[in-house]
Amino acid sequence: MLEALQFERHIYDGVHRLVAPVDKELGLALDLGDRYFDSGADLPDLTVMAMAAERKAAILTWDYRHFRAVVLERGHHWNLLVEEHELPTTT
């Protein structure tokens, strides 16, 4: 929770910025949604995937289930900034 608040503060302070998808990215997100409608991935997840694909960007997420279920093409894996094995363990 603290990390999310810090990230939001960085957005407010201008360190990071929110950007909207362009038409091509939104179209790809909708296409992915059609292909993977039963995966549980929602439009925000699919839009992040499409934007990352078009912009050759890495994805910061802890929603590994959806980002593992949806692929652009055979053998494709999303470039995630943090992998499951890199998460700290809680005690």
Protein backbone atom coordinates (compact mmCIF):
# COMPACT_ATOMS: atom_id res chain seq x y z
CA MET A 1 0.00 0.00 0.00
CA LEU A 2 2.81 2.39 0.85
CA GLU A 3 4.44 1.81 -2.54
CA ALA A 4 1.18 2.63 -4.32
CA LEU A 5 0.89 5.89 -2.41
CA GLN A 6 4.47 6.77 -3.23
CA PHE A 7 3.82 6.07 -6.90
CA GLU A 8 0.70 8.26 -6.84
CA ARG A 9 2.71 11.03 -5.17
CA HIS A 10 5.30 10.75 -7.95
CA ILE A 11 2.56 11.13 -10.55
CA TYR A 12 1.26 14.20 -8.73
CA ASP A 13 4.79 15.63 -8.49
CA GLY A 14 5.43 15.07 -12.20
CA VAL A 15 8.03 12.31 -11.84
CA HIS A 16 5.73 9.96 -13.77
CA ARG A 17 2.82 10.74 -16.02
CA LEU A 18 -0.33 8.96 -17.08
CA VAL A 19 -0.84 8.57 -20.80
CA ALA A 20 -3.85 7.44 -22.77
CA PRO A 21 -3.72 4.71 -25.39
CA VAL A 22 -3.78 5.74 -29.03
CA ASP A 23 -6.36 4.19 -31.36
CA LYS A 24 -4.04 1.40 -32.55
CA GLU A 25 -3.30 0.39 -28.94
CA LEU A 26 -6.95 0.41 -27.96
CA GLY A 27 -7.75 -1.69 -31.03
CA LEU A 28 -5.10 -4.23 -30.02
CA ALA A 29 -6.48 -4.29 -26.46
CA LEU A 30 -9.96 -5.02 -27.79
CA ASP A 31 -8.59 -7.73 -30.11
CA LEU A 32 -6.80 -9.35 -27.18
CA GLY A 33 -10.04 -9.14 -25.21
CA ASP A 34 -11.87 -10.99 -27.98
CA ARG A 35 -9.21 -13.72 -28.08
CA TYR A 36 -8.89 -14.11 -24.32
CA PHE A 37 -12.40 -13.23 -23.13
CA ASP A 38 -12.44 -16.08 -20.61
CA SER A 39 -9.00 -15.30 -19.11
CA GLY A 40 -10.29 -12.81 -16.56
CA ALA A 41 -8.12 -10.04 -17.98
CA ASP A 42 -10.07 -6.80 -18.07
CA LEU A 43 -9.79 -3.80 -20.39
CA PRO A 44 -7.28 -1.91 -18.18
CA ASP A 45 -4.95 -4.95 -18.13
CA LEU A 46 -5.38 -5.51 -21.87
CA THR A 47 -4.73 -1.84 -22.57
CA VAL A 48 -1.49 -1.94 -20.57
CA MET A 49 -0.45 -5.00 -22.57
CA ALA A 50 -1.26 -3.33 -25.88
CA MET A 51 0.52 -0.11 -24.95
CA ALA A 52 3.59 -2.05 -23.83
CA ALA A 53 3.61 -4.05 -27.06
CA GLU A 54 3.32 -0.99 -29.30
CA ARG A 55 5.78 1.10 -27.31
CA LYS A 56 8.28 -1.74 -26.67
CA ALA A 57 7.93 -1.05 -22.94
CA ALA A 58 8.18 -3.17 -19.83
CA ILE A 59 5.18 -3.67 -17.56
CA LEU A 60 5.05 -3.06 -13.81
CA THR A 61 2.35 -5.31 -12.38
CA TRP A 62 1.68 -7.73 -9.57
CA ASP A 63 -1.22 -9.25 -11.54
CA TYR A 64 0.81 -12.14 -12.91
CA ARG A 65 -2.18 -14.41 -13.52
CA HIS A 66 -3.63 -12.22 -16.28
CA PHE A 67 -0.29 -11.21 -17.74
CA ARG A 68 0.66 -14.89 -18.04
CA ALA A 69 -2.68 -15.92 -19.57
CA VAL A 70 -2.66 -13.44 -22.47
CA VAL A 71 -0.04 -13.59 -25.23
CA LEU A 72 0.40 -11.69 -28.48
CA GLU A 73 1.64 -14.73 -30.38
CA ARG A 74 3.00 -18.18 -29.73
CA GLY A 75 6.11 -18.08 -27.55
CA HIS A 76 5.51 -14.47 -26.51
CA HIS A 77 5.96 -13.37 -22.91
CA TRP A 78 5.38 -9.89 -21.55
CA ASN A 79 8.46 -8.01 -20.41
CA LEU A 80 7.66 -7.59 -16.72
CA LEU A 81 9.77 -5.29 -14.55
CA VAL A 82 9.30 -7.55 -11.53
CA GLU A 83 8.95 -11.33 -11.81
CA GLU A 84 7.17 -13.44 -9.20
CA HIS A 85 10.43 -14.85 -7.82
CA GLU A 86 11.71 -11.30 -7.20
CA LEU A 87 8.89 -10.36 -4.83
CA PRO A 88 9.83 -10.13 -1.17
CA THR A 89 8.38 -12.81 1.02
CA THR A 90 6.09 -11.80 3.85
CA THR A 91 6.51 -13.23 7.29
